Amino acid sequence: MPPEAVTPDSAAPETVEAAVVSPRRASDPSETTDLSAETSGVPIVRHRESAMLVLQRGSEAGRRWPLDRTRPLTIGRAEECEIVLTDRQVSRYHARITWQGDHFEVVDLDSKNGTHVNGQELQGEPAPLSDGDEIQIALRFKLAFVDAGATAPLTLDSDEKGLRLDKETRQVWVNGKQVDPPLSLHQFRLLETLWDAGGSVITRDRVIGAVWPEASSEGVSEQAIDALVRRLRERVAETDEEFRYIVTVRGHGFRLENR
């Protein structure tokens, strides 16, 4: 399959094509039809004969990639990957999905920022995939695994979960709701730095360089950094009180944990 580039969260996710379609609609060759429903006047539910991945987070949310049992599918930043994710936090060859006897499985290709399945980071060993599993690439992109025979999702609700930002407009959304009033300049610079780190820890010196580029490290106290982090947490918590997005790593710095 030809590679198609995907960009990270910079626009509102699109709605996925419905799995319930009218009888007159041209069918997908990878789908089967409940013919008994066709004569009863009720909408036809089409089921997948091939498994697929559905992008849940990113500017092109809703895009689908069918999986082929005869050849692997590679996810990464390189142009020759089957799924191209154009984000610097994604490794050139980040993860690969293959068919193993009676199931698909995903393996991380020693990526820099990791691959997670249902929130669990892969540690070298491949993970078998079941219908509904969520694959997270570098804390930037989410892909839903839809197994063969399962009904494709009607809509995606990923835009209702987690944090995303638009660097050009300095707008931030949490669980699909825009943070309003907007973050201050320093708050946004801190969040942007955490975002760019892709889940990695950023040091206090890096915070100073990003948030107060005109100041020297000696000119910004630890109390000022802690106060900024605390205020940013409070602003995010105004929209989502249940999840802690900004994590303090004692002795090291801070990192962003996204849903």
C-alpha atoms as a PDB file:
ATOM      1  CA  MET A   1       0.000   0.000   0.000  1.00  0.00           C
ATOM      2  CA  PRO A   2       1.334   3.468  -0.793  1.00  0.00           C
ATOM      3  CA  PRO A   3       2.531   5.509   2.181  1.00  0.00           C
ATOM      4  CA  GLU A   4       0.340   8.377   3.291  1.00  0.00           C
ATOM      5  CA  ALA A   5       1.673  11.085   5.551  1.00  0.00           C
ATOM      6  CA  VAL A   6      -0.257  12.075   8.642  1.00  0.00           C
ATOM      7  CA  THR A   7       0.308  15.194  10.686  1.00  0.00           C
ATOM      8  CA  PRO A   8      -0.186  15.509  14.469  1.00  0.00           C
ATOM      9  CA  ASP A   9      -3.045  17.151  16.353  1.00  0.00           C
ATOM     10  CA  SER A  10      -3.484  20.486  14.665  1.00  0.00           C
ATOM     11  CA  ALA A  11      -7.088  20.342  13.603  1.00  0.00           C
ATOM     12  CA  ALA A  12     -10.351  18.972  14.908  1.00  0.00           C
ATOM     13  CA  PRO A  13     -10.726  15.238  14.286  1.00  0.00           C
ATOM     14  CA  GLU A  14     -13.073  14.212  11.515  1.00  0.00           C
ATOM     15  CA  THR A  15     -16.010  11.828  11.875  1.00  0.00           C
ATOM     16  CA  VAL A  16     -15.407   8.303  10.673  1.00  0.00           C
ATOM     17  CA  GLU A  17     -17.632   6.911   7.947  1.00  0.00           C
ATOM     18  CA  ALA A  18     -20.604   5.149   9.527  1.00  0.00           C
ATOM     19  CA  ALA A  19     -20.709   1.369   9.683  1.00  0.00           C
ATOM     20  CA  VAL A  20     -24.446   1.476   9.063  1.00  0.00           C
ATOM     21  CA  VAL A  21     -25.057   2.238   5.393  1.00  0.00           C
ATOM     22  CA  SER A  22     -28.020   2.322   3.056  1.00  0.00           C
ATOM     23  CA  PRO A  23     -28.751  -0.681   0.788  1.00  0.00           C
ATOM     24  CA  ARG A  24     -27.997   1.376  -2.336  1.00  0.00           C
ATOM     25  CA  ARG A  25     -24.527   2.353  -1.290  1.00  0.00           C
ATOM     26  CA  ALA A  26     -21.610   0.683  -3.071  1.00  0.00           C
ATOM     27  CA  SER A  27     -20.089  -1.890  -0.753  1.00  0.00           C
ATOM     28  CA  ASP A  28     -16.508  -2.067   0.384  1.00  0.00           C
ATOM     29  CA  PRO A  29     -14.935  -5.252  -1.054  1.00  0.00           C
ATOM     30  CA  SER A  30     -13.488  -5.997   2.371  1.00  0.00           C
ATOM     31  CA  GLU A  31     -16.946  -6.009   3.976  1.00  0.00           C
ATOM     32  CA  THR A  32     -19.774  -8.562   4.085  1.00  0.00           C
ATOM     33  CA  THR A  33     -23.473  -7.728   4.217  1.00  0.00           C
ATOM     34  CA  ASP A  34     -26.309  -9.047   6.342  1.00  0.00           C
ATOM     35  CA  LEU A  35     -28.592  -9.959   3.400  1.00  0.00           C
ATOM     36  CA  SER A  36     -31.548 -10.755   5.622  1.00  0.00           C
ATOM     37  CA  ALA A  37     -31.639  -7.120   6.656  1.00  0.00           C
ATOM     38  CA  GLU A  38     -31.718  -5.976   3.039  1.00  0.00           C
ATOM     39  CA  THR A  39     -35.173  -7.410   2.491  1.00  0.00           C
ATOM     40  CA  SER A  40     -36.563  -6.256   5.815  1.00  0.00           C
ATOM     41  CA  GLY A  41     -36.154  -2.556   5.148  1.00  0.00           C
ATOM     42  CA  VAL A  42     -33.720  -1.939   8.028  1.00  0.00           C
ATOM     43  CA  PRO A  43     -30.236  -0.446   7.566  1.00  0.00           C
ATOM     44  CA  ILE A  44     -27.560  -2.919   6.526  1.00  0.00           C
ATOM     45  CA  VAL A  45     -24.694  -3.491   8.946  1.00  0.00           C
ATOM     46  CA  ARG A  46     -21.464  -4.315   7.154  1.00  0.00           C
ATOM     47  CA  HIS A  47     -18.748  -6.290   8.909  1.00  0.00           C
ATOM     48  CA  ARG A  48     -15.077  -6.246   8.082  1.00  0.00           C
ATOM     49  CA  GLU A  49     -13.437  -9.271   6.463  1.00  0.00           C
ATOM     50  CA  SER A  50     -10.004  -7.715   7.010  1.00  0.00           C
ATOM     51  CA  ALA A  51      -8.680  -6.088  10.141  1.00  0.00           C
ATOM     52  CA  MET A  52      -7.738  -2.420  10.045  1.00  0.00           C
ATOM     53  CA  LEU A  53      -6.262   0.467  11.973  1.00  0.00           C
ATOM     54  CA  VAL A  54      -8.239   3.668  12.520  1.00  0.00           C
ATOM     55  CA  LEU A  55      -6.434   6.899  13.410  1.00  0.00           C
ATOM     56  CA  GLN A  56      -8.006   8.328  16.543  1.00  0.00           C
ATOM     57  CA  ARG A  57      -5.685  11.192  17.322  1.00  0.00           C
ATOM     58  CA  GLY A  58      -4.218  13.549  14.734  1.00  0.00           C
ATOM     59  CA  SER A  59      -5.381  16.062  12.178  1.00  0.00           C
ATOM     60  CA  GLU A  60      -6.690  13.254   9.955  1.00  0.00           C
ATOM     61  CA  ALA A  61      -8.546  11.316  12.629  1.00  0.00           C
ATOM     62  CA  GLY A  62     -10.779   8.705  11.066  1.00  0.00           C
ATOM     63  CA  ARG A  63      -8.365   7.580   8.351  1.00  0.00           C
ATOM     64  CA  ARG A  64      -8.229   3.811   7.977  1.00  0.00           C
ATOM     65  CA  TRP A  65      -5.543   1.362   6.905  1.00  0.00           C
ATOM     66  CA  PRO A  66      -6.473  -2.259   6.133  1.00  0.00           C
ATOM     67  CA  LEU A  67      -4.089  -4.905   7.433  1.00  0.00           C
ATOM     68  CA  ASP A  68      -2.733  -7.616   5.154  1.00  0.00           C
ATOM     69  CA  ARG A  69      -1.948 -11.001   6.649  1.00  0.00           C
ATOM     70  CA  THR A  70       0.699 -11.644   4.002  1.00  0.00           C
ATOM     71  CA  ARG A  71       2.924  -8.640   4.673  1.00  0.00           C
ATOM     72  CA  PRO A  72       3.851  -6.468   7.657  1.00  0.00           C
ATOM     73  CA  LEU A  73       2.736  -2.875   8.114  1.00  0.00           C
ATOM     74  CA  THR A  74       5.347  -0.427   9.408  1.00  0.00           C
ATOM     75  CA  ILE A  75       4.517   2.793  11.243  1.00  0.00           C
ATOM     76  CA  GLY A  76       7.055   5.621  11.384  1.00  0.00           C
ATOM     77  CA  ARG A  77       8.343   8.901  10.065  1.00  0.00           C
ATOM     78  CA  ALA A  78      10.199   7.463   7.057  1.00  0.00           C
ATOM     79  CA  GLU A  79       8.514   7.908   3.690  1.00  0.00           C
ATOM     80  CA  GLU A  80       8.702   4.201   2.904  1.00  0.00           C
ATOM     81  CA  CYS A  81       6.538   3.274   5.914  1.00  0.00           C
ATOM     82  CA  GLU A  82       2.986   2.161   5.191  1.00  0.00           C
ATOM     83  CA  ILE A  83       1.699   4.628   7.783  1.00  0.00           C
ATOM     84  CA  VAL A  84       3.779   7.820   7.753  1.00  0.00           C
ATOM     85  CA  LEU A  85       3.440  10.006  10.858  1.00  0.00           C
ATOM     86  CA  THR A  86       5.178  13.320  10.226  1.00  0.00           C
ATOM     87  CA  ASP A  87       6.198  14.287  13.722  1.00  0.00           C
ATOM     88  CA  ARG A  88       9.718  14.533  15.102  1.00  0.00           C
ATOM     89  CA  GLN A  89       8.739  12.578  18.200  1.00  0.00           C
ATOM     90  CA  VAL A  90       8.026   9.574  15.972  1.00  0.00           C
ATOM     91  CA  SER A  91      11.047   7.464  15.022  1.00  0.00           C
ATOM     92  CA  ARG A  92      11.784   6.769  11.365  1.00  0.00           C
ATOM     93  CA  TYR A  93      10.775   3.148  11.885  1.00  0.00           C
ATOM     94  CA  HIS A  94       8.704   3.217  15.047  1.00  0.00           C
ATOM     95  CA  ALA A  95       6.509   0.108  15.204  1.00  0.00           C
ATOM     96  CA  ARG A  96       5.446  -2.820  13.030  1.00  0.00           C
ATOM     97  CA  ILE A  97       2.306  -4.939  12.844  1.00  0.00           C
ATOM     98  CA  THR A  98       2.461  -8.515  11.549  1.00  0.00           C
ATOM     99  CA  TRP A  99       0.195 -11.563  11.301  1.00  0.00           C
ATOM    100  CA  GLN A 100       1.241 -14.427  13.539  1.00  0.00           C
ATOM    101  CA  GLY A 101      -0.699 -17.620  12.848  1.00  0.00           C
ATOM    102  CA  ASP A 102      -4.109 -16.618  14.178  1.00  0.00           C
ATOM    103  CA  HIS A 103      -3.749 -12.985  15.247  1.00  0.00           C
ATOM    104  CA  PHE A 104      -2.051  -9.684  14.538  1.00  0.00           C
ATOM    105  CA  GLU A 105       0.615  -8.366  16.865  1.00  0.00           C
ATOM    106  CA  VAL A 106       2.542  -5.119  17.233  1.00  0.00           C
ATOM    107  CA  VAL A 107       6.194  -4.698  18.144  1.00  0.00           C
ATOM    108  CA  ASP A 108       8.151  -1.551  18.947  1.00  0.00           C
ATOM    109  CA  LEU A 109      11.198  -1.077  16.696  1.00  0.00           C
ATOM    110  CA  ASP A 110      13.475   0.370  19.387  1.00  0.00           C
ATOM    111  CA  SER A 111      11.763   3.740  18.985  1.00  0.00           C
ATOM    112  CA  LYS A 112      12.971   6.743  20.934  1.00  0.00           C
ATOM    113  CA  ASN A 113       9.612   7.674  22.501  1.00  0.00           C
ATOM    114  CA  GLY A 114       7.962   4.295  22.786  1.00  0.00           C
ATOM    115  CA  THR A 115       4.864   2.412  21.715  1.00  0.00           C
ATOM    116  CA  HIS A 116       1.967   1.714  24.079  1.00  0.00           C
ATOM    117  CA  VAL A 117      -0.934  -0.718  23.823  1.00  0.00           C
ATOM    118  CA  ASN A 118      -3.886   0.158  26.041  1.00  0.00           C
ATOM    119  CA  GLY A 119      -1.586   2.360  28.105  1.00  0.00           C
ATOM    120  CA  GLN A 120       1.107  -0.280  28.628  1.00  0.00           C
ATOM    121  CA  GLU A 121       4.509   0.429  27.108  1.00  0.00           C
ATOM    122  CA  LEU A 122       5.974  -2.341  24.978  1.00  0.00           C
ATOM    123  CA  GLN A 123       9.261  -3.589  26.405  1.00  0.00           C
ATOM    124  CA  GLY A 124      10.859  -5.362  23.467  1.00  0.00           C
ATOM    125  CA  GLU A 125       8.328  -8.185  23.224  1.00  0.00           C
ATOM    126  CA  PRO A 126       5.505  -8.077  20.647  1.00  0.00           C
ATOM    127  CA  ALA A 127       1.961  -7.634  21.935  1.00  0.00           C
ATOM    128  CA  PRO A 128      -1.003  -9.546  20.453  1.00  0.00           C
ATOM    129  CA  LEU A 129      -3.840  -7.321  19.284  1.00  0.00           C
ATOM    130  CA  SER A 130      -7.525  -7.786  20.048  1.00  0.00           C
ATOM    131  CA  ASP A 131     -10.484  -5.901  18.682  1.00  0.00           C
ATOM    132  CA  GLY A 132     -10.707  -2.435  20.255  1.00  0.00           C
ATOM    133  CA  ASP A 133      -7.082  -2.245  21.381  1.00  0.00           C
ATOM    134  CA  GLU A 134      -5.525   1.200  21.292  1.00  0.00           C
ATOM    135  CA  ILE A 135      -1.991   1.661  19.962  1.00  0.00           C
ATOM    136  CA  GLN A 136      -0.299   4.882  21.006  1.00  0.00           C
ATOM    137  CA  ILE A 137       2.724   6.111  19.067  1.00  0.00           C
ATOM    138  CA  ALA A 138       5.118   8.458  20.938  1.00  0.00           C
ATOM    139  CA  LEU A 139       2.248   9.899  23.000  1.00  0.00           C
ATOM    140  CA  ARG A 140       1.255  11.763  19.839  1.00  0.00           C
ATOM    141  CA  PHE A 141      -0.934   9.482  17.759  1.00  0.00           C
ATOM    142  CA  LYS A 142      -3.556   6.919  18.683  1.00  0.00           C
ATOM    143  CA  LEU A 143      -4.596   4.080  16.405  1.00  0.00           C
ATOM    144  CA  ALA A 144      -7.540   1.802  17.133  1.00  0.00           C
ATOM    145  CA  PHE A 145      -7.271  -1.835  16.065  1.00  0.00           C
ATOM    146  CA  VAL A 146     -10.495  -3.166  14.543  1.00  0.00           C
ATOM    147  CA  ASP A 147     -10.356  -6.926  14.039  1.00  0.00           C
ATOM    148  CA  ALA A 148     -11.816  -8.857  11.108  1.00  0.00           C
ATOM    149  CA  GLY A 149     -15.518  -9.501  11.561  1.00  0.00           C
ATOM    150  CA  ALA A 150     -15.973  -6.550  13.892  1.00  0.00           C
ATOM    151  CA  THR A 151     -18.239  -3.650  13.009  1.00  0.00           C
ATOM    152  CA  ALA A 152     -16.274  -0.537  12.138  1.00  0.00           C
ATOM    153  CA  PRO A 153     -16.790   2.269  14.683  1.00  0.00           C
ATOM    154  CA  LEU A 154     -19.519   4.739  13.814  1.00  0.00           C
ATOM    155  CA  THR A 155     -17.673   7.708  15.219  1.00  0.00           C
ATOM    156  CA  LEU A 156     -14.486   8.489  17.034  1.00  0.00           C
ATOM    157  CA  ASP A 157     -14.558   9.955  20.506  1.00  0.00           C
ATOM    158  CA  SER A 158     -10.808  10.445  20.808  1.00  0.00           C
ATOM    159  CA  ASP A 159     -11.260  14.172  20.386  1.00  0.00           C
ATOM    160  CA  GLU A 160     -13.038  14.059  23.744  1.00  0.00           C
ATOM    161  CA  LYS A 161     -10.013  12.637  25.528  1.00  0.00           C
ATOM    162  CA  GLY A 162      -6.656  14.112  26.342  1.00  0.00           C
ATOM    163  CA  LEU A 163      -4.835  17.343  25.714  1.00  0.00           C
ATOM    164  CA  ARG A 164      -3.844  18.896  22.410  1.00  0.00           C
ATOM    165  CA  LEU A 165      -2.567  22.289  21.346  1.00  0.00           C
ATOM    166  CA  ASP A 166      -2.207  24.524  18.302  1.00  0.00           C
ATOM    167  CA  LYS A 167       1.145  26.281  18.270  1.00  0.00           C
ATOM    168  CA  GLU A 168       0.151  28.888  15.705  1.00  0.00           C
ATOM    169  CA  THR A 169      -2.925  30.135  17.569  1.00  0.00           C
ATOM    170  CA  ARG A 170      -1.664  29.190  21.063  1.00  0.00           C
ATOM    171  CA  GLN A 171      -4.961  27.458  21.707  1.00  0.00           C
ATOM    172  CA  VAL A 172      -5.245  24.439  23.992  1.00  0.00           C
ATOM    173  CA  TRP A 173      -8.006  21.820  24.209  1.00  0.00           C
ATOM    174  CA  VAL A 174      -8.604  19.366  27.026  1.00  0.00           C
ATOM    175  CA  ASN A 175     -11.076  16.555  26.387  1.00  0.00           C
ATOM    176  CA  GLY A 176     -12.344  18.403  23.339  1.00  0.00           C
ATOM    177  CA  LYS A 177     -13.020  21.633  25.249  1.00  0.00           C
ATOM    178  CA  GLN A 178     -10.943  24.737  24.578  1.00  0.00           C
ATOM    179  CA  VAL A 179      -9.127  26.199  27.559  1.00  0.00           C
ATOM    180  CA  ASP A 180     -10.664  29.633  28.083  1.00  0.00           C
ATOM    181  CA  PRO A 181      -9.398  32.165  28.940  1.00  0.00           C
ATOM    182  CA  PRO A 182      -6.230  31.262  27.028  1.00  0.00           C
ATOM    183  CA  LEU A 183      -3.040  30.321  28.824  1.00  0.00           C
ATOM    184  CA  SER A 184      -0.570  33.083  29.562  1.00  0.00           C
ATOM    185  CA  LEU A 185       2.548  33.298  27.397  1.00  0.00           C
ATOM    186  CA  HIS A 186       4.721  31.629  30.032  1.00  0.00           C
ATOM    187  CA  GLN A 187       2.149  28.911  30.690  1.00  0.00           C
ATOM    188  CA  PHE A 188       1.869  28.112  26.993  1.00  0.00           C
ATOM    189  CA  ARG A 189       5.651  28.067  26.542  1.00  0.00           C
ATOM    190  CA  LEU A 190       5.926  25.549  29.372  1.00  0.00           C
ATOM    191  CA  LEU A 191       3.160  23.361  27.962  1.00  0.00           C
ATOM    192  CA  GLU A 192       4.631  23.559  24.464  1.00  0.00           C
ATOM    193  CA  THR A 193       8.024  22.445  25.770  1.00  0.00           C
ATOM    194  CA  LEU A 194       6.459  19.495  27.578  1.00  0.00           C
ATOM    195  CA  TRP A 195       4.492  18.634  24.446  1.00  0.00           C
ATOM    196  CA  ASP A 196       7.570  18.733  22.220  1.00  0.00           C
ATOM    197  CA  ALA A 197       9.369  16.397  24.622  1.00  0.00           C
ATOM    198  CA  GLY A 198       6.851  13.679  23.734  1.00  0.00           C
ATOM    199  CA  GLY A 199       6.573  12.334  27.269  1.00  0.00           C
ATOM    200  CA  SER A 200      10.273  12.592  28.065  1.00  0.00           C
ATOM    201  CA  VAL A 201      11.447  14.448  31.154  1.00  0.00           C
ATOM    202  CA  ILE A 202      12.487  18.080  30.727  1.00  0.00           C
ATOM    203  CA  THR A 203      14.921  19.582  33.219  1.00  0.00           C
ATOM    204  CA  ARG A 204      14.467  22.839  35.099  1.00  0.00           C
ATOM    205  CA  ASP A 205      17.242  24.402  33.021  1.00  0.00           C
ATOM    206  CA  ARG A 206      15.348  23.499  29.879  1.00  0.00           C
ATOM    207  CA  VAL A 207      12.207  25.048  31.342  1.00  0.00           C
ATOM    208  CA  ILE A 208      14.088  28.271  31.990  1.00  0.00           C
ATOM    209  CA  GLY A 209      15.524  28.352  28.481  1.00  0.00           C
ATOM    210  CA  ALA A 210      12.110  27.801  26.897  1.00  0.00           C
ATOM    211  CA  VAL A 211       9.944  29.949  29.143  1.00  0.00           C
ATOM    212  CA  TRP A 212      12.358  32.743  30.029  1.00  0.00           C
ATOM    213  CA  PRO A 213      14.832  32.759  27.107  1.00  0.00           C
ATOM    214  CA  GLU A 214      16.021  36.248  27.992  1.00  0.00           C
ATOM    215  CA  ALA A 215      16.987  35.253  31.539  1.00  0.00           C
ATOM    216  CA  SER A 216      19.973  33.309  32.811  1.00  0.00           C
ATOM    217  CA  SER A 217      19.447  30.180  34.877  1.00  0.00           C
ATOM    218  CA  GLU A 218      20.657  32.037  37.972  1.00  0.00           C
ATOM    219  CA  GLY A 219      17.983  34.686  37.454  1.00  0.00           C
ATOM    220  CA  VAL A 220      15.007  32.306  37.762  1.00  0.00           C
ATOM    221  CA  SER A 221      14.373  30.656  41.108  1.00  0.00           C
ATOM    222  CA  GLU A 222      13.087  27.145  41.661  1.00  0.00           C
ATOM    223  CA  GLN A 223      10.111  28.720  43.408  1.00  0.00           C
ATOM    224  CA  ALA A 224       9.220  30.611  40.225  1.00  0.00           C
ATOM    225  CA  ILE A 225       9.372  27.398  38.178  1.00  0.00           C
ATOM    226  CA  ASP A 226       7.275  25.482  40.713  1.00  0.00           C
ATOM    227  CA  ALA A 227       4.718  28.295  40.814  1.00  0.00           C
ATOM    228  CA  LEU A 228       4.411  28.236  37.021  1.00  0.00           C
ATOM    229  CA  VAL A 229       4.014  24.458  36.933  1.00  0.00           C
ATOM    230  CA  ARG A 230       1.394  24.615  39.697  1.00  0.00           C
ATOM    231  CA  ARG A 231      -0.583  27.314  37.899  1.00  0.00           C
ATOM    232  CA  LEU A 232      -0.494  25.408  34.600  1.00  0.00           C
ATOM    233  CA  ARG A 233      -1.781  22.299  36.386  1.00  0.00           C
ATOM    234  CA  GLU A 234      -4.601  24.354  37.859  1.00  0.00           C
ATOM    235  CA  ARG A 235      -5.573  25.744  34.450  1.00  0.00           C
ATOM    236  CA  VAL A 236      -5.691  22.269  32.904  1.00  0.00           C
ATOM    237  CA  ALA A 237      -7.593  20.916  35.917  1.00  0.00           C
ATOM    238  CA  GLU A 238     -10.317  23.496  35.333  1.00  0.00           C
ATOM    239  CA  THR A 239     -11.358  21.257  32.422  1.00  0.00           C
ATOM    240  CA  ASP A 240     -10.175  17.836  33.602  1.00  0.00           C
ATOM    241  CA  GLU A 241      -9.825  17.283  37.336  1.00  0.00           C
ATOM    242  CA  GLU A 242      -9.463  13.508  37.128  1.00  0.00           C
ATOM    243  CA  PHE A 243      -6.223  13.173  35.166  1.00  0.00           C
ATOM    244  CA  ARG A 244      -2.792  14.538  36.084  1.00  0.00           C
ATOM    245  CA  TYR A 245      -1.197  15.697  32.844  1.00  0.00           C
ATOM    246  CA  ILE A 246       1.943  17.337  34.239  1.00  0.00           C
ATOM    247  CA  VAL A 247       4.054  14.964  36.305  1.00  0.00           C
ATOM    248  CA  THR A 248       6.933  15.998  38.552  1.00  0.00           C
ATOM    249  CA  VAL A 249       9.867  13.599  38.384  1.00  0.00           C
ATOM    250  CA  ARG A 250      11.755  14.275  41.589  1.00  0.00           C
ATOM    251  CA  GLY A 251      15.374  15.172  41.062  1.00  0.00           C
ATOM    252  CA  HIS A 252      14.977  15.349  37.288  1.00  0.00           C
ATOM    253  CA  GLY A 253      12.232  17.715  36.166  1.00  0.00           C
ATOM    254  CA  PHE A 254       8.807  17.411  34.599  1.00  0.00           C
ATOM    255  CA  ARG A 255       7.060  15.456  31.865  1.00  0.00           C
ATOM    256  CA  LEU A 256       3.694  15.442  30.093  1.00  0.00           C
ATOM    257  CA  GLU A 257       1.416  12.453  30.522  1.00  0.00           C
ATOM    258  CA  ASN A 258      -1.437  12.501  28.008  1.00  0.00           C
ATOM    259  CA  ARG A 259      -4.580  10.420  27.888  1.00  0.00           C
END
